[in-house]
């Protein structure tokens, strides 16, 4: 039976790489972009269902949920996020900048997971939140991108709260660190390319099917400290 993955935020970078990798491995891929008019690269992959979604807009999320009604997802991969202000110390960021960063990176992904959870396979399903090693309270501080790391720490916290609220379940939840990857956010100095990171993440997700529980891991499957 063909497995189905919904990738949130797939127009470029890691999301696009994940769509390409899942598709190449025979998965049915549903991919969201904020503006379907700018999804040429995704469209070029072929055989991918493209849906519009602004993750921060509750109405947009509701419309997506309605369009996907009746779809069974094996994997929900929530990749969308922003880097936030990186040209100044965290204490110099504005209230608006901080609010947007934390809402987009921490609150919106969990709200989306809660809304789309009924579509996820109850026994074999996997929900993946794109986190970062920078979100580790133990080892993240000092690595740079302080506010971004704090937003991912907040995502980790809210994800654990989300999992705790599930009660007894066979659902698997992964908080995933993709590695330091050459993307618009990761920069040219990053040691990993998108293809390598995406291949590793898809491998970890596939291995996680049916395992249950919540783990904080990187693209190679190494467990990270919270």
N, C-alpha and C. Protein backbone atom coordinates (compact mmCIF):
# COMPACT_ATOMS: atom_id res chain seq x y z
N UNK A 1 0.84 -1.20 0.00
CA UNK A 1 0.00 0.00 0.00
C UNK A 1 0.88 1.25 0.00
N UNK A 2 0.54 2.21 -0.84
CA UNK A 2 1.31 3.46 -0.92
C UNK A 2 1.09 4.30 0.33
N UNK A 3 2.18 4.79 0.89
CA UNK A 3 2.09 5.66 2.06
C UNK A 3 1.94 7.12 1.63
N UNK A 4 1.28 7.89 2.48
CA UNK A 4 1.01 9.29 2.17
C UNK A 4 1.65 10.20 3.21
N UNK A 5 2.34 11.25 2.75
CA UNK A 5 2.95 12.22 3.63
C UNK A 5 2.44 13.61 3.26
N UNK A 6 2.12 14.39 4.27
CA UNK A 6 1.79 15.80 4.09
C UNK A 6 2.96 16.61 4.63
N UNK A 7 3.59 17.39 3.76
CA UNK A 7 4.73 18.22 4.15
C UNK A 7 4.27 19.67 4.19
N UNK A 8 4.39 20.28 5.35
CA UNK A 8 3.99 21.68 5.52
C UNK A 8 5.20 22.57 5.27
N UNK A 9 5.11 23.41 4.24
CA UNK A 9 6.21 24.31 3.90
C UNK A 9 7.21 23.65 2.98
N UNK A 10 6.85 23.50 1.70
CA UNK A 10 7.68 22.69 0.80
C UNK A 10 8.09 23.42 -0.47
N UNK A 11 8.02 24.75 -0.48
CA UNK A 11 8.31 25.48 -1.71
C UNK A 11 9.80 25.56 -2.01
N UNK A 12 10.64 25.43 -0.98
CA UNK A 12 12.08 25.55 -1.18
C UNK A 12 12.81 24.90 -0.02
N UNK A 13 14.14 24.89 -0.09
CA UNK A 13 14.97 24.43 1.01
C UNK A 13 14.68 23.01 1.43
N UNK A 14 14.64 22.79 2.73
CA UNK A 14 14.45 21.44 3.27
C UNK A 14 13.09 20.86 2.93
N UNK A 15 12.06 21.69 2.91
CA UNK A 15 10.74 21.19 2.58
C UNK A 15 10.68 20.64 1.16
N UNK A 16 11.30 21.37 0.24
CA UNK A 16 11.37 20.92 -1.15
C UNK A 16 12.21 19.64 -1.24
N UNK A 17 13.31 19.62 -0.51
CA UNK A 17 14.16 18.42 -0.50
C UNK A 17 13.43 17.21 0.04
N UNK A 18 12.62 17.41 1.09
CA UNK A 18 11.83 16.31 1.64
C UNK A 18 10.80 15.82 0.63
N UNK A 19 10.14 16.75 -0.05
CA UNK A 19 9.14 16.37 -1.05
C UNK A 19 9.79 15.53 -2.16
N UNK A 20 10.95 15.98 -2.58
CA UNK A 20 11.67 15.26 -3.64
C UNK A 20 12.04 13.85 -3.17
N UNK A 21 12.54 13.74 -1.93
CA UNK A 21 13.00 12.45 -1.43
C UNK A 21 11.84 11.49 -1.18
N UNK A 22 10.80 11.95 -0.51
CA UNK A 22 9.63 11.09 -0.27
C UNK A 22 9.05 10.60 -1.60
N UNK A 23 8.94 11.51 -2.56
CA UNK A 23 8.38 11.15 -3.85
C UNK A 23 9.24 10.11 -4.56
N UNK A 24 10.56 10.28 -4.48
CA UNK A 24 11.46 9.34 -5.15
C UNK A 24 11.39 7.95 -4.53
N UNK A 25 10.94 7.87 -3.28
CA UNK A 25 10.82 6.58 -2.60
C UNK A 25 9.41 5.99 -2.72
N UNK A 26 8.59 6.60 -3.58
CA UNK A 26 7.28 6.03 -3.88
C UNK A 26 6.13 6.49 -3.00
N UNK A 27 6.38 7.48 -2.14
CA UNK A 27 5.31 7.99 -1.30
C UNK A 27 4.38 8.87 -2.12
N UNK A 28 3.12 8.91 -1.72
CA UNK A 28 2.20 9.92 -2.23
C UNK A 28 2.45 11.18 -1.42
N UNK A 29 2.81 12.27 -2.09
CA UNK A 29 3.20 13.49 -1.40
C UNK A 29 2.15 14.58 -1.59
N UNK A 30 1.72 15.14 -0.47
CA UNK A 30 0.91 16.35 -0.47
C UNK A 30 1.79 17.43 0.15
N UNK A 31 1.95 18.54 -0.55
CA UNK A 31 2.89 19.56 -0.08
C UNK A 31 2.21 20.92 -0.04
N UNK A 32 2.43 21.66 1.04
CA UNK A 32 1.82 22.99 1.13
C UNK A 32 2.84 24.08 0.85
N UNK A 33 2.32 25.15 0.27
CA UNK A 33 3.09 26.37 0.02
C UNK A 33 2.19 27.54 0.38
N UNK A 34 2.80 28.66 0.72
CA UNK A 34 1.96 29.82 1.04
C UNK A 34 1.30 30.39 -0.20
N UNK A 35 1.99 30.34 -1.34
CA UNK A 35 1.47 30.90 -2.58
C UNK A 35 1.69 29.90 -3.70
N UNK A 36 0.61 29.32 -4.18
CA UNK A 36 0.73 28.29 -5.21
C UNK A 36 1.24 28.86 -6.53
N UNK A 37 1.24 30.18 -6.67
CA UNK A 37 1.77 30.80 -7.89
C UNK A 37 3.29 30.76 -7.93
N UNK A 38 3.90 30.47 -6.77
CA UNK A 38 5.36 30.41 -6.70
C UNK A 38 5.80 29.00 -6.28
N UNK A 39 5.26 28.01 -6.95
CA UNK A 39 5.59 26.61 -6.62
C UNK A 39 6.12 25.88 -7.84
N UNK A 40 6.80 26.63 -8.72
CA UNK A 40 7.25 26.04 -9.98
C UNK A 40 8.19 24.86 -9.77
N UNK A 41 9.14 25.00 -8.85
CA UNK A 41 10.11 23.93 -8.63
C UNK A 41 9.43 22.69 -8.08
N UNK A 42 8.48 22.90 -7.19
CA UNK A 42 7.72 21.78 -6.63
C UNK A 42 6.87 21.12 -7.70
N UNK A 43 6.24 21.93 -8.52
CA UNK A 43 5.41 21.39 -9.58
C UNK A 43 6.23 20.55 -10.56
N UNK A 44 7.48 20.98 -10.78
CA UNK A 44 8.35 20.29 -11.73
C UNK A 44 8.69 18.86 -11.29
N UNK A 45 8.53 18.58 -9.99
CA UNK A 45 8.82 17.23 -9.51
C UNK A 45 7.79 16.24 -10.04
N UNK A 46 6.60 16.74 -10.31
CA UNK A 46 5.54 15.89 -10.84
C UNK A 46 4.93 14.98 -9.78
N UNK A 47 3.69 14.57 -9.99
CA UNK A 47 3.01 13.60 -9.13
C UNK A 47 2.97 14.03 -7.67
N UNK A 48 2.90 15.34 -7.43
CA UNK A 48 2.78 15.86 -6.07
C UNK A 48 1.56 16.76 -6.00
N UNK A 49 0.73 16.52 -5.01
CA UNK A 49 -0.45 17.36 -4.81
C UNK A 49 -0.03 18.60 -4.02
N UNK A 50 -0.27 19.77 -4.59
CA UNK A 50 0.15 21.02 -3.97
C UNK A 50 -1.07 21.74 -3.41
N UNK A 51 -0.97 22.14 -2.15
CA UNK A 51 -2.06 22.84 -1.47
C UNK A 51 -1.55 24.16 -0.90
N UNK A 52 -2.40 25.17 -0.90
CA UNK A 52 -2.05 26.47 -0.32
C UNK A 52 -2.30 26.46 1.18
N UNK A 53 -1.35 27.03 1.93
CA UNK A 53 -1.53 27.16 3.37
C UNK A 53 -0.65 28.27 3.92
N UNK A 54 -1.27 29.20 4.64
CA UNK A 54 -0.54 30.14 5.48
C UNK A 54 -0.72 29.61 6.90
N UNK A 55 0.32 29.01 7.44
CA UNK A 55 0.21 28.31 8.71
C UNK A 55 -0.21 29.23 9.85
N UNK A 56 0.10 30.53 9.73
CA UNK A 56 -0.25 31.46 10.80
C UNK A 56 -1.70 31.92 10.75
N UNK A 57 -2.39 31.58 9.67
CA UNK A 57 -3.77 32.01 9.46
C UNK A 57 -4.71 30.86 9.80
N UNK A 58 -5.48 31.02 10.86
CA UNK A 58 -6.39 29.95 11.30
C UNK A 58 -7.41 29.60 10.22
N UNK A 59 -7.86 30.59 9.47
CA UNK A 59 -8.82 30.34 8.41
C UNK A 59 -8.22 29.52 7.28
N UNK A 60 -6.96 29.81 6.95
CA UNK A 60 -6.27 29.06 5.91
C UNK A 60 -6.09 27.61 6.34
N UNK A 61 -5.76 27.39 7.61
CA UNK A 61 -5.62 26.04 8.14
C UNK A 61 -6.95 25.29 8.08
N UNK A 62 -8.02 25.98 8.44
CA UNK A 62 -9.33 25.34 8.43
C UNK A 62 -9.72 24.94 7.01
N UNK A 63 -9.43 25.80 6.05
CA UNK A 63 -9.76 25.47 4.66
C UNK A 63 -8.96 24.28 4.16
N UNK A 64 -7.68 24.20 4.57
CA UNK A 64 -6.87 23.05 4.19
C UNK A 64 -7.45 21.77 4.79
N UNK A 65 -7.82 21.83 6.07
CA UNK A 65 -8.39 20.66 6.74
C UNK A 65 -9.65 20.19 6.02
N UNK A 66 -10.45 21.13 5.54
CA UNK A 66 -11.68 20.77 4.82
C UNK A 66 -11.35 20.11 3.49
N UNK A 67 -10.33 20.63 2.78
CA UNK A 67 -9.96 20.04 1.49
C UNK A 67 -9.36 18.65 1.65
N UNK A 68 -8.73 18.41 2.80
CA UNK A 68 -8.08 17.11 3.03
C UNK A 68 -9.00 16.11 3.74
N UNK A 69 -10.21 16.51 4.02
CA UNK A 69 -11.14 15.62 4.73
C UNK A 69 -11.23 14.28 4.02
N UNK A 70 -11.10 13.21 4.79
CA UNK A 70 -11.16 11.87 4.24
C UNK A 70 -9.82 11.30 3.83
N UNK A 71 -8.78 12.15 3.84
CA UNK A 71 -7.43 11.69 3.50
C UNK A 71 -6.79 11.03 4.72
N UNK A 72 -6.12 9.92 4.51
CA UNK A 72 -5.40 9.28 5.61
C UNK A 72 -3.91 9.53 5.44
N UNK A 73 -3.32 10.13 6.45
CA UNK A 73 -1.89 10.46 6.41
C UNK A 73 -1.09 9.45 7.21
N UNK A 74 -0.04 8.93 6.62
CA UNK A 74 0.91 8.12 7.37
C UNK A 74 1.90 9.00 8.10
N UNK A 75 2.26 10.13 7.48
CA UNK A 75 3.21 11.07 8.08
C UNK A 75 2.72 12.49 7.88
N UNK A 76 2.75 13.27 8.95
CA UNK A 76 2.53 14.71 8.90
C UNK A 76 3.86 15.36 9.28
N UNK A 77 4.50 16.03 8.32
CA UNK A 77 5.83 16.62 8.55
C UNK A 77 5.68 18.13 8.52
N UNK A 78 5.81 18.75 9.70
CA UNK A 78 5.60 20.19 9.84
C UNK A 78 6.96 20.88 9.78
N UNK A 79 7.27 21.39 8.60
CA UNK A 79 8.59 21.95 8.34
C UNK A 79 8.63 23.47 8.40
N UNK A 80 7.50 24.12 8.16
CA UNK A 80 7.49 25.57 8.01
C UNK A 80 8.01 26.29 9.24
N UNK A 81 8.77 27.37 9.01
CA UNK A 81 9.30 28.17 10.10
C UNK A 81 10.09 29.34 9.54
N UNK A 82 10.47 30.27 10.42
CA UNK A 82 11.25 31.44 10.00
C UNK A 82 12.47 31.59 10.89
N UNK A 83 13.46 32.33 10.39
CA UNK A 83 14.71 32.52 11.13
C UNK A 83 14.65 33.65 12.15
N UNK A 84 13.78 34.62 11.91
CA UNK A 84 13.68 35.75 12.82
C UNK A 84 14.86 36.71 12.69
N UNK A 85 14.91 37.73 13.54
CA UNK A 85 15.98 38.73 13.47
C UNK A 85 17.32 38.13 13.89
N UNK A 86 18.30 38.15 12.99
CA UNK A 86 19.60 37.55 13.28
C UNK A 86 20.74 38.56 13.24
N UNK A 87 20.40 39.82 12.97
CA UNK A 87 21.44 40.84 12.83
C UNK A 87 21.63 41.67 14.09
N UNK A 88 21.07 41.18 15.21
CA UNK A 88 21.19 41.91 16.47
C UNK A 88 20.96 40.97 17.64
N UNK A 89 21.40 41.34 18.84
CA UNK A 89 21.18 40.50 20.02
C UNK A 89 19.68 40.33 20.30
N UNK A 90 19.35 39.23 20.96
CA UNK A 90 17.96 38.95 21.26
C UNK A 90 17.29 40.08 22.03
N UNK A 91 18.05 40.73 22.91
CA UNK A 91 17.48 41.79 23.75
C UNK A 91 17.20 43.07 22.97
N UNK A 92 17.65 43.13 21.71
CA UNK A 92 17.38 44.31 20.89
C UNK A 92 16.27 44.08 19.88
N UNK A 93 15.72 42.89 19.86
CA UNK A 93 14.63 42.59 18.95
C UNK A 93 13.35 43.27 19.43
N UNK A 94 12.50 43.64 18.49
CA UNK A 94 11.25 44.30 18.85
C UNK A 94 10.21 43.29 19.30
N UNK A 95 9.20 43.80 19.97
CA UNK A 95 8.11 42.93 20.43
C UNK A 95 7.44 42.26 19.24
N UNK A 96 7.29 42.99 18.15
CA UNK A 96 6.66 42.44 16.95
C UNK A 96 7.50 41.31 16.37
N UNK A 97 8.82 41.51 16.28
CA UNK A 97 9.72 40.49 15.74
C UNK A 97 9.68 39.23 16.58
N UNK A 98 9.73 39.40 17.89
CA UNK A 98 9.72 38.24 18.78
C UNK A 98 8.38 37.52 18.71
N UNK A 99 7.31 38.29 18.69
CA UNK A 99 5.99 37.68 18.63
C UNK A 99 5.79 36.87 17.37
N UNK A 100 6.23 37.43 16.24
CA UNK A 100 6.08 36.70 14.97
C UNK A 100 6.91 35.43 14.97
N UNK A 101 8.15 35.53 15.47
CA UNK A 101 9.04 34.37 15.49
C UNK A 101 8.47 33.24 16.34
N UNK A 102 8.04 33.56 17.55
CA UNK A 102 7.56 32.52 18.45
C UNK A 102 6.21 31.97 18.01
N UNK A 103 5.37 32.82 17.46
CA UNK A 103 4.08 32.30 16.99
C UNK A 103 4.29 31.35 15.81
N UNK A 104 5.12 31.78 14.84
CA UNK A 104 5.34 30.97 13.64
C UNK A 104 6.08 29.68 13.95
N UNK A 105 7.10 29.74 14.80
CA UNK A 105 7.95 28.58 15.04
C UNK A 105 7.47 27.66 16.15
N UNK A 106 6.68 28.16 17.08
CA UNK A 106 6.30 27.34 18.23
C UNK A 106 4.80 27.09 18.35
N UNK A 107 4.00 28.12 18.20
CA UNK A 107 2.57 27.98 18.43
C UNK A 107 1.85 27.43 17.20
N UNK A 108 2.10 28.03 16.04
CA UNK A 108 1.38 27.61 14.82
C UNK A 108 1.60 26.14 14.47
N UNK A 109 2.82 25.59 14.60
CA UNK A 109 3.00 24.18 14.26
C UNK A 109 2.17 23.24 15.14
N UNK A 110 2.06 23.55 16.42
CA UNK A 110 1.30 22.68 17.32
C UNK A 110 -0.19 22.84 17.07
N UNK A 111 -0.62 24.06 16.80
CA UNK A 111 -2.04 24.26 16.45
C UNK A 111 -2.40 23.46 15.20
N UNK A 112 -1.49 23.48 14.22
CA UNK A 112 -1.72 22.72 12.99
C UNK A 112 -1.79 21.22 13.28
N UNK A 113 -0.86 20.74 14.11
CA UNK A 113 -0.86 19.30 14.44
C UNK A 113 -2.16 18.90 15.12
N UNK A 114 -2.64 19.73 16.02
CA UNK A 114 -3.89 19.43 16.71
C UNK A 114 -5.05 19.37 15.72
N UNK A 115 -5.07 20.31 14.77
CA UNK A 115 -6.20 20.37 13.83
C UNK A 115 -6.18 19.22 12.83
N UNK A 116 -4.99 18.81 12.39
CA UNK A 116 -4.89 17.78 11.36
C UNK A 116 -4.69 16.37 11.93
N UNK A 117 -4.58 16.26 13.24
CA UNK A 117 -4.34 14.96 13.87
C UNK A 117 -5.38 13.90 13.49
N UNK A 118 -6.66 14.26 13.33
CA UNK A 118 -7.64 13.23 12.95
C UNK A 118 -7.36 12.56 11.61
N UNK A 119 -6.53 13.19 10.77
CA UNK A 119 -6.20 12.60 9.48
C UNK A 119 -5.07 11.59 9.56
N UNK A 120 -4.32 11.62 10.67
CA UNK A 120 -3.12 10.79 10.81
C UNK A 120 -3.49 9.38 11.28
N UNK A 121 -2.90 8.40 10.65
CA UNK A 121 -3.14 6.98 10.98
C UNK A 121 -2.96 6.77 12.48
N UNK A 122 -3.98 6.24 13.15
CA UNK A 122 -3.98 6.18 14.61
C UNK A 122 -2.96 5.19 15.18
N UNK A 123 -2.57 4.19 14.41
CA UNK A 123 -1.64 3.18 14.93
C UNK A 123 -0.24 3.29 14.34
N UNK A 124 -0.15 3.65 13.07
CA UNK A 124 1.13 3.68 12.39
C UNK A 124 1.60 5.10 12.06
N UNK A 125 0.84 6.10 12.43
CA UNK A 125 1.14 7.46 12.03
C UNK A 125 2.34 8.07 12.72
N UNK A 126 2.99 9.00 12.01
CA UNK A 126 4.13 9.74 12.55
C UNK A 126 3.89 11.23 12.33
N UNK A 127 4.03 12.01 13.39
CA UNK A 127 4.00 13.47 13.29
C UNK A 127 5.41 13.98 13.55
N UNK A 128 5.93 14.76 12.61
CA UNK A 128 7.29 15.28 12.74
C UNK A 128 7.26 16.80 12.83
N UNK A 129 7.90 17.33 13.86
CA UNK A 129 8.07 18.77 13.99
C UNK A 129 9.52 19.10 13.67
N UNK A 130 9.75 20.01 12.72
CA UNK A 130 11.12 20.40 12.40
C UNK A 130 11.64 21.29 13.53
N UNK A 131 12.51 20.72 14.32
CA UNK A 131 13.11 21.45 15.43
C UNK A 131 14.54 21.84 15.04
N UNK A 132 15.41 21.92 16.00
CA UNK A 132 16.81 22.26 15.76
C UNK A 132 17.61 21.91 16.99
N UNK A 133 18.88 21.60 16.80
CA UNK A 133 19.76 21.39 17.95
C UNK A 133 19.88 22.67 18.77
N UNK A 134 19.63 23.81 18.11
CA UNK A 134 19.68 25.09 18.82
C UNK A 134 18.57 25.20 19.85
N UNK A 135 17.53 24.37 19.72
CA UNK A 135 16.43 24.37 20.68
C UNK A 135 16.70 23.55 21.92
N UNK A 136 17.85 22.87 21.95
CA UNK A 136 18.22 22.11 23.15
C UNK A 136 18.67 23.07 24.24
N UNK A 137 17.98 23.07 25.36
CA UNK A 137 18.35 23.96 26.47
C UNK A 137 19.72 23.58 27.03
N UNK A 138 20.06 22.29 26.90
CA UNK A 138 21.33 21.80 27.45
C UNK A 138 22.52 22.19 26.60
N UNK A 139 22.43 22.03 25.29
CA UNK A 139 23.61 22.26 24.46
C UNK A 139 23.44 23.37 23.42
N UNK A 140 22.25 23.92 23.27
CA UNK A 140 22.02 24.95 22.26
C UNK A 140 22.63 26.31 22.57
N UNK A 141 22.54 26.79 23.83
CA UNK A 141 23.07 28.11 24.13
C UNK A 141 24.56 28.24 23.79
N UNK A 142 24.89 29.33 23.13
CA UNK A 142 26.28 29.55 22.73
C UNK A 142 26.55 29.18 21.29
N UNK A 143 25.59 28.48 20.65
CA UNK A 143 25.77 28.09 19.25
C UNK A 143 25.38 29.19 18.28
N UNK A 144 24.78 30.27 18.79
CA UNK A 144 24.32 31.34 17.93
C UNK A 144 22.82 31.30 17.70
N UNK A 145 22.30 32.33 17.02
CA UNK A 145 20.87 32.45 16.71
C UNK A 145 20.03 32.23 17.96
N UNK A 146 20.31 33.07 18.98
CA UNK A 146 19.70 32.87 20.30
C UNK A 146 18.18 32.86 20.26
N UNK A 147 17.59 33.84 19.60
CA UNK A 147 16.13 33.92 19.58
C UNK A 147 15.53 32.75 18.80
N UNK A 148 16.14 32.41 17.70
CA UNK A 148 15.66 31.27 16.92
C UNK A 148 15.72 30.01 17.76
N UNK A 149 16.84 29.80 18.45
CA UNK A 149 16.98 28.64 19.32
C UNK A 149 15.93 28.63 20.41
N UNK A 150 15.66 29.80 20.98
CA UNK A 150 14.64 29.89 22.02
C UNK A 150 13.26 29.54 21.47
N UNK A 151 12.99 29.95 20.23
CA UNK A 151 11.69 29.61 19.63
C UNK A 151 11.57 28.11 19.40
N UNK A 152 12.68 27.45 19.07
CA UNK A 152 12.65 26.00 18.88
C UNK A 152 12.58 25.28 20.22
N UNK A 153 13.17 25.86 21.27
CA UNK A 153 13.01 25.29 22.61
C UNK A 153 11.55 25.38 23.03
N UNK A 154 10.91 26.50 22.68
CA UNK A 154 9.48 26.65 22.97
C UNK A 154 8.67 25.63 22.18
N UNK A 155 9.05 25.40 20.93
CA UNK A 155 8.37 24.37 20.13
C UNK A 155 8.53 23.00 20.78
N UNK A 156 9.74 22.67 21.23
CA UNK A 156 9.96 21.39 21.90
C UNK A 156 9.07 21.25 23.12
N UNK A 157 8.98 22.31 23.90
CA UNK A 157 8.15 22.29 25.11
C UNK A 157 6.68 22.07 24.75
N UNK A 158 6.18 22.83 23.78
CA UNK A 158 4.78 22.70 23.39
C UNK A 158 4.51 21.35 22.73
N UNK A 159 5.51 20.80 22.05
CA UNK A 159 5.35 19.48 21.46
C UNK A 159 5.22 18.42 22.53
N UNK A 160 6.03 18.52 23.57
CA UNK A 160 5.93 17.57 24.68
C UNK A 160 4.57 17.69 25.37
N UNK A 161 4.07 18.93 25.47
CA UNK A 161 2.74 19.16 26.04
C UNK A 161 1.67 18.54 25.14
N UNK A 162 1.83 18.70 23.83
CA UNK A 162 0.91 18.10 22.85
C UNK A 162 0.89 16.59 23.01
N UNK A 163 2.05 15.98 23.13
CA UNK A 163 2.15 14.52 23.27
C UNK A 163 1.52 14.07 24.59
N UNK A 164 1.77 14.82 25.66
CA UNK A 164 1.20 14.46 26.96
C UNK A 164 -0.32 14.47 26.92
N UNK A 165 -0.87 15.36 26.10
CA UNK A 165 -2.31 15.46 25.99
C UNK A 165 -2.96 14.36 25.16
N UNK A 166 -2.14 13.58 24.46
CA UNK A 166 -2.67 12.50 23.63
C UNK A 166 -3.12 11.30 24.44
N UNK A 167 -2.56 11.16 25.65
CA UNK A 167 -2.88 9.99 26.47
C UNK A 167 -2.29 8.73 25.88
N UNK A 168 -2.97 7.61 26.09
CA UNK A 168 -2.50 6.35 25.55
C UNK A 168 -2.66 6.35 24.03
N UNK A 169 -1.56 6.24 23.33
CA UNK A 169 -1.60 6.29 21.87
C UNK A 169 -0.42 5.54 21.28
N UNK A 170 -0.61 5.06 20.06
CA UNK A 170 0.48 4.41 19.33
C UNK A 170 1.14 5.36 18.34
N UNK A 171 0.67 6.61 18.34
CA UNK A 171 1.23 7.62 17.46
C UNK A 171 2.71 7.85 17.80
N UNK A 172 3.52 8.06 16.77
CA UNK A 172 4.92 8.40 16.95
C UNK A 172 5.11 9.89 16.68
N UNK A 173 5.84 10.57 17.55
CA UNK A 173 6.13 11.99 17.35
C UNK A 173 7.64 12.19 17.38
N UNK A 174 8.16 12.87 16.38
CA UNK A 174 9.59 13.18 16.31
C UNK A 174 9.80 14.69 16.31
N UNK A 175 10.71 15.15 17.14
CA UNK A 175 11.23 16.51 17.05
C UNK A 175 12.56 16.37 16.33
N UNK A 176 12.64 16.89 15.11
CA UNK A 176 13.75 16.55 14.21
C UNK A 176 14.72 17.71 14.01
N UNK A 177 16.01 17.42 14.22
CA UNK A 177 17.08 18.36 13.87
C UNK A 177 17.64 17.93 12.52
N UNK A 178 17.56 18.80 11.50
CA UNK A 178 17.99 18.41 10.15
C UNK A 178 19.49 18.44 9.93
N UNK A 179 20.24 18.90 10.94
CA UNK A 179 21.65 19.17 10.72
C UNK A 179 21.83 20.61 10.29
N UNK A 180 23.08 21.04 10.15
CA UNK A 180 23.36 22.40 9.67
C UNK A 180 23.45 22.31 8.15
N UNK A 181 22.44 22.85 7.48
CA UNK A 181 22.24 22.60 6.06
C UNK A 181 22.38 23.88 5.25
N UNK A 182 22.94 23.75 4.07
CA UNK A 182 23.05 24.87 3.13
C UNK A 182 21.67 25.25 2.61
N UNK A 183 21.05 26.21 3.27
CA UNK A 183 19.76 26.76 2.85
C UNK A 183 19.84 28.26 3.03
N UNK A 184 18.74 28.96 2.71
CA UNK A 184 18.72 30.40 2.93
C UNK A 184 18.98 30.72 4.39
N UNK A 185 18.47 29.87 5.30
CA UNK A 185 18.66 30.10 6.72
C UNK A 185 20.02 29.59 7.19
N UNK A 186 20.45 28.43 6.70
CA UNK A 186 21.69 27.83 7.16
C UNK A 186 22.94 28.49 6.63
N UNK A 187 22.83 29.11 5.45
CA UNK A 187 23.97 29.82 4.88
C UNK A 187 24.92 28.91 4.10
N UNK A 188 25.86 29.55 3.41
CA UNK A 188 26.78 28.82 2.53
C UNK A 188 27.86 28.04 3.28
N UNK A 189 28.08 28.39 4.56
CA UNK A 189 29.15 27.72 5.32
C UNK A 189 28.71 26.38 5.89
N UNK A 190 27.44 26.09 5.80
CA UNK A 190 26.91 24.83 6.37
C UNK A 190 27.55 23.62 5.68
N UNK A 191 27.87 22.58 6.45
CA UNK A 191 28.56 21.42 5.90
C UNK A 191 27.66 20.44 5.14
N UNK A 192 26.35 20.52 5.33
CA UNK A 192 25.44 19.56 4.72
C UNK A 192 24.68 20.17 3.55
N UNK A 193 24.42 19.36 2.53
CA UNK A 193 23.51 19.81 1.49
C UNK A 193 22.11 19.29 1.78
N UNK A 194 21.14 19.89 1.12
CA UNK A 194 19.74 19.54 1.35
C UNK A 194 19.48 18.06 1.06
N UNK A 195 20.07 17.55 -0.01
CA UNK A 195 19.85 16.17 -0.41
C UNK A 195 20.25 15.19 0.68
N UNK A 196 21.41 15.42 1.30
CA UNK A 196 21.90 14.52 2.36
C UNK A 196 21.01 14.58 3.59
N UNK A 197 20.64 15.80 3.99
CA UNK A 197 19.77 15.96 5.16
C UNK A 197 18.41 15.32 4.92
N UNK A 198 17.83 15.59 3.76
CA UNK A 198 16.50 15.05 3.46
C UNK A 198 16.52 13.53 3.41
N UNK A 199 17.56 12.96 2.82
CA UNK A 199 17.67 11.49 2.77
C UNK A 199 17.71 10.91 4.17
N UNK A 200 18.48 11.53 5.06
CA UNK A 200 18.57 11.05 6.43
C UNK A 200 17.27 11.19 7.18
N UNK A 201 16.60 12.33 7.02
CA UNK A 201 15.35 12.54 7.74
C UNK A 201 14.27 11.56 7.28
N UNK A 202 14.18 11.34 5.98
CA UNK A 202 13.18 10.39 5.47
C UNK A 202 13.47 8.98 6.02
N UNK A 203 14.75 8.65 6.12
CA UNK A 203 15.13 7.35 6.67
C UNK A 203 14.68 7.23 8.13
N UNK A 204 14.90 8.28 8.92
CA UNK A 204 14.51 8.25 10.34
C UNK A 204 12.99 8.17 10.49
N UNK A 205 12.27 8.91 9.65
CA UNK A 205 10.81 8.88 9.71
C UNK A 205 10.29 7.49 9.36
N UNK A 206 10.86 6.90 8.32
CA UNK A 206 10.41 5.57 7.89
C UNK A 206 10.68 4.54 8.98
N UNK A 207 11.84 4.64 9.63
CA UNK A 207 12.16 3.72 10.73
C UNK A 207 11.21 3.90 11.91
N UNK A 208 10.73 5.12 12.10
CA UNK A 208 9.92 5.42 13.28
C UNK A 208 8.49 4.92 13.18
N UNK A 209 8.05 4.57 11.99
CA UNK A 209 6.67 4.12 11.80
C UNK A 209 6.36 2.93 12.71
N UNK A 210 5.33 3.10 13.52
CA UNK A 210 4.89 2.02 14.41
C UNK A 210 5.62 1.93 15.73
N UNK A 211 6.65 2.76 15.93
CA UNK A 211 7.43 2.67 17.18
C UNK A 211 6.72 3.30 18.37
N UNK A 212 5.97 4.36 18.12
CA UNK A 212 5.31 5.06 19.21
C UNK A 212 6.27 5.93 20.00
N UNK A 213 5.73 6.78 20.86
CA UNK A 213 6.56 7.62 21.72
C UNK A 213 7.01 8.90 21.04
N UNK A 214 7.75 9.70 21.80
CA UNK A 214 8.23 11.01 21.34
C UNK A 214 9.74 11.05 21.53
N UNK A 215 10.46 11.38 20.44
CA UNK A 215 11.92 11.44 20.51
C UNK A 215 12.43 12.71 19.84
N UNK A 216 13.54 13.20 20.34
CA UNK A 216 14.23 14.39 19.82
C UNK A 216 15.51 13.87 19.17
N UNK A 217 15.53 13.84 17.85
CA UNK A 217 16.63 13.20 17.14
C UNK A 217 17.11 14.07 15.99
N UNK A 218 18.31 13.73 15.48
CA UNK A 218 18.80 14.43 14.30
C UNK A 218 18.60 13.55 13.06
N UNK A 219 19.02 14.06 11.93
CA UNK A 219 18.78 13.38 10.65
C UNK A 219 19.49 12.04 10.55
N UNK A 220 20.44 11.80 11.44
CA UNK A 220 21.15 10.52 11.45
C UNK A 220 20.59 9.55 12.49
N UNK A 221 19.60 10.00 13.24
CA UNK A 221 18.98 9.17 14.25
C UNK A 221 19.57 9.28 15.63
N UNK A 222 20.56 10.16 15.79
CA UNK A 222 21.17 10.36 17.11
C UNK A 222 20.20 11.13 18.01
N UNK A 223 20.06 10.66 19.25
CA UNK A 223 19.15 11.30 20.20
C UNK A 223 19.82 12.56 20.77
N UNK A 224 19.06 13.64 20.84
CA UNK A 224 19.57 14.91 21.38
C UNK A 224 19.02 15.16 22.77
N UNK A 225 19.78 15.86 23.61
CA UNK A 225 19.28 16.19 24.96
C UNK A 225 18.30 17.35 24.89
N UNK A 226 17.23 17.25 25.68
CA UNK A 226 16.24 18.33 25.67
C UNK A 226 16.84 19.62 26.22
